[in-house]
């Protein structure tokens, strides 16, 4: 499952959750869902999509970074 919401007043979309049942993990389903969310957000005219993950969910962190998501603390640092 995947849930994405649009927040026009704030100027961003939010990828609220992407989840795959344990027996089906490791097959690229979460990546496919996240890519569909990105496509939906772009088609709605948004340029900013934010998300978050549990700090110990290394697979979600790696996938999000591979897709170009950055940690908020990294965005605030100069350079």
C-alpha atoms as a PDB file:
ATOM      1  CA  UNK A   1       0.000   0.000   0.000  1.00  0.00           C
ATOM      2  CA  UNK A   2       1.047   3.561  -0.539  1.00  0.00           C
ATOM      3  CA  UNK A   3      -0.495   6.822   0.597  1.00  0.00           C
ATOM      4  CA  UNK A   4       0.408  10.239  -0.781  1.00  0.00           C
ATOM      5  CA  UNK A   5      -1.317  13.504   0.043  1.00  0.00           C
ATOM      6  CA  UNK A   6      -1.184  16.902  -1.632  1.00  0.00           C
ATOM      7  CA  UNK A   7      -0.799  20.075   0.415  1.00  0.00           C
ATOM      8  CA  UNK A   8      -1.329  23.013  -1.938  1.00  0.00           C
ATOM      9  CA  UNK A   9      -1.271  25.660   0.789  1.00  0.00           C
ATOM     10  CA  UNK A  10       2.167  24.490   1.884  1.00  0.00           C
ATOM     11  CA  UNK A  11       3.425  23.809  -1.646  1.00  0.00           C
ATOM     12  CA  UNK A  12       4.405  20.179  -1.198  1.00  0.00           C
ATOM     13  CA  UNK A  13       3.147  16.620  -1.388  1.00  0.00           C
ATOM     14  CA  UNK A  14       3.717  14.081   1.351  1.00  0.00           C
ATOM     15  CA  UNK A  15       4.468  10.407   0.838  1.00  0.00           C
ATOM     16  CA  UNK A  16       2.839   9.259   4.035  1.00  0.00           C
ATOM     17  CA  UNK A  17       3.390   5.546   3.876  1.00  0.00           C
ATOM     18  CA  UNK A  18       4.686   2.831   1.632  1.00  0.00           C
ATOM     19  CA  UNK A  19       4.293  -0.664   2.953  1.00  0.00           C
ATOM     20  CA  UNK A  20       4.603  -4.195   1.666  1.00  0.00           C
ATOM     21  CA  UNK A  21       3.578  -7.324   3.561  1.00  0.00           C
ATOM     22  CA  UNK A  22       6.583  -9.242   4.864  1.00  0.00           C
ATOM     23  CA  UNK A  23       6.193 -12.293   2.573  1.00  0.00           C
ATOM     24  CA  UNK A  24       6.353 -10.018  -0.484  1.00  0.00           C
ATOM     25  CA  UNK A  25       9.297  -7.814   0.511  1.00  0.00           C
ATOM     26  CA  UNK A  26      12.522  -7.817  -1.459  1.00  0.00           C
ATOM     27  CA  UNK A  27      10.806  -7.952  -4.857  1.00  0.00           C
ATOM     28  CA  UNK A  28      10.922  -4.246  -5.705  1.00  0.00           C
ATOM     29  CA  UNK A  29       7.285  -3.574  -4.832  1.00  0.00           C
ATOM     30  CA  UNK A  30       8.003  -0.660  -2.487  1.00  0.00           C
ATOM     31  CA  UNK A  31      10.214   0.926  -5.144  1.00  0.00           C
ATOM     32  CA  UNK A  32       7.425   0.552  -7.714  1.00  0.00           C
ATOM     33  CA  UNK A  33       4.908   2.110  -5.305  1.00  0.00           C
ATOM     34  CA  UNK A  34       7.228   5.017  -4.496  1.00  0.00           C
ATOM     35  CA  UNK A  35       7.845   5.629  -8.215  1.00  0.00           C
ATOM     36  CA  UNK A  36       4.086   5.703  -8.824  1.00  0.00           C
ATOM     37  CA  UNK A  37       3.755   8.225  -5.987  1.00  0.00           C
ATOM     38  CA  UNK A  38       6.446  10.396  -7.590  1.00  0.00           C
ATOM     39  CA  UNK A  39       4.665  10.183 -10.948  1.00  0.00           C
ATOM     40  CA  UNK A  40       1.354  11.154  -9.313  1.00  0.00           C
ATOM     41  CA  UNK A  41       2.922  14.137  -7.543  1.00  0.00           C
ATOM     42  CA  UNK A  42       4.602  15.377 -10.722  1.00  0.00           C
ATOM     43  CA  UNK A  43       1.408  14.970 -12.752  1.00  0.00           C
ATOM     44  CA  UNK A  44      -0.393  17.080 -10.138  1.00  0.00           C
ATOM     45  CA  UNK A  45       2.130  19.860 -10.760  1.00  0.00           C
ATOM     46  CA  UNK A  46       4.138  19.562  -7.541  1.00  0.00           C
ATOM     47  CA  UNK A  47       7.905  19.885  -7.432  1.00  0.00           C
ATOM     48  CA  UNK A  48       8.422  18.942  -3.797  1.00  0.00           C
ATOM     49  CA  UNK A  49       7.650  15.543  -2.260  1.00  0.00           C
ATOM     50  CA  UNK A  50       8.598  14.846   1.325  1.00  0.00           C
ATOM     51  CA  UNK A  51       8.608  11.629   3.316  1.00  0.00           C
ATOM     52  CA  UNK A  52      10.012  10.161   6.486  1.00  0.00           C
ATOM     53  CA  UNK A  53      11.028   6.749   7.697  1.00  0.00           C
ATOM     54  CA  UNK A  54      11.909   4.964  10.907  1.00  0.00           C
ATOM     55  CA  UNK A  55      15.594   5.636  11.656  1.00  0.00           C
ATOM     56  CA  UNK A  56      16.366   1.893  11.805  1.00  0.00           C
ATOM     57  CA  UNK A  57      14.615   1.047   8.518  1.00  0.00           C
ATOM     58  CA  UNK A  58      17.811   0.873   6.492  1.00  0.00           C
ATOM     59  CA  UNK A  59      16.136  -0.472   3.354  1.00  0.00           C
ATOM     60  CA  UNK A  60      13.642   2.432   3.269  1.00  0.00           C
ATOM     61  CA  UNK A  61      16.424   4.931   3.923  1.00  0.00           C
ATOM     62  CA  UNK A  62      18.524   3.493   1.099  1.00  0.00           C
ATOM     63  CA  UNK A  63      15.579   3.471  -1.321  1.00  0.00           C
ATOM     64  CA  UNK A  64      14.582   7.038  -0.465  1.00  0.00           C
ATOM     65  CA  UNK A  65      18.150   8.283  -0.911  1.00  0.00           C
ATOM     66  CA  UNK A  66      18.467   6.421  -4.205  1.00  0.00           C
ATOM     67  CA  UNK A  67      15.315   8.233  -5.366  1.00  0.00           C
ATOM     68  CA  UNK A  68      16.774  11.623  -4.425  1.00  0.00           C
ATOM     69  CA  UNK A  69      15.168  12.249  -1.046  1.00  0.00           C
ATOM     70  CA  UNK A  70      17.433  14.102   1.356  1.00  0.00           C
ATOM     71  CA  UNK A  71      17.345  14.389   5.115  1.00  0.00           C
ATOM     72  CA  UNK A  72      15.918  17.735   6.278  1.00  0.00           C
ATOM     73  CA  UNK A  73      19.076  18.440   8.268  1.00  0.00           C
ATOM     74  CA  UNK A  74      21.132  18.070   5.062  1.00  0.00           C
ATOM     75  CA  UNK A  75      18.933  20.607   3.271  1.00  0.00           C
ATOM     76  CA  UNK A  76      19.608  23.247   5.921  1.00  0.00           C
ATOM     77  CA  UNK A  77      23.389  22.960   5.832  1.00  0.00           C
ATOM     78  CA  UNK A  78      25.234  25.498   3.654  1.00  0.00           C
ATOM     79  CA  UNK A  79      27.179  24.311   0.663  1.00  0.00           C
END
